Amino acid sequence: MIYTVTFNPAIDYVVSMDELTPGSINRTKGEAVQLGGKGINVSTMLLTLGHRSVALGFIAGITGKLMEQGLKEAGIGHDFVHLDAGLTRINIKVKAKAETEINGRGPEVGEEALERLYRKAEHVRDGDCLVLAGNVPKGVPLEAYGSFLARLDSKKALTVVDATGDLMRGALRHGPFLVKPNKLELGELLGKKLGDEKDILEGAKALQGMGARNVLVSMAADGALLLDQTGAAWRIPGIPGEVKNSVGAGDSMVGGFLAGYLENFDFREALRLGAAAGTATAFSTVMAEKAFVEETLAKLPEPAAIQGGLPSKGKGTQPPQAS
């Protein structure tokens, strides 16, 4: 089974308009509601690509009920911790000449509720996958990801982390199977500005030195770079197209990579499917549909080995089969 963990899920209210003018009444020309939060987005892309998952995290209030209802209708399993106070957040995403986001804070999480979420790690078995993605709400310490992964140290599960700062640092100590920073986040983790491909590869090697097995760096229009656990480094370029939506593109890449890896345990193919899923979502107004992911995949070249990596066929060690 695949589990995704979103500590602070959201309902995204996405509106389109020609121009946003502060201080005046603005009229929309299109509206959509999406179930959001990084782990939820990963679950959505996994389902699009034929892989079921169970979404974990915290929900609260009437918006939390809407989240559960929406996931049920979408066919995504869920096992949330219900909080007694607060509301699952609503994020407003404005698509105009420039993208503007107003993100809700979300409910406050106490120690007892946090422990209830940690205990859900008991459901994870050898061969399962667990994805930790996104930021944490008020009341949750920045060592939360590390604390969650510590519950899995004795299990043979594939763990994936998409987070920033101290959340990522705490997770790295537990040897996650995959981490996915973008170029800016990688530089912030290392305390320096990254320039060319060589800088990014050295940064990925630094994360491996801190515990990560595989490091996937998304680079927006420049594509993505993967340093895999065999020591091989791979680069896949971006392809031209109109970026309509940056929300969920990185999460789609994570979902695509994981789906690709579980299908054939080949890092190059996982990178290619991850890049296709991320690109397709960026070129869509919402999370990309399967047909568009496949269309995008057909346009992408095979990942190329880059200097600084070791020769490899790109095959990973096959873990116990995840269901």
Foldseek 3Di string as FASTA:
>chain_A
DEEEEFAQKEKEKEFEDADDDPPDDGDTPDIDIDTGGLRVLLQLLLVLVPHAYEYEYEAEDPQSVVNVVVCVVSVHHYDYQYDDDWGRWYKYWYFHPDIDIDTDQTDADEPVSLVVRLVCLVVDAFQYEYEYEDDHHHHDDLLSLLSSLVSCLVHNYAYEYEDADSNLLSNQQSQHAEYEEEQVRLCVNVVHHADDPVSVVVSQVVSVVSRYAKYWYQHVQQAIWIQHNVQWIWGWGHDDADFQDQGSLQSQLVSQLVSQCLVAQFNQSSSLLSRLQSNQCRRDNHRHHSVSSVVSSVVTDGIDTDPRGDDDRRGDDDTPRHD
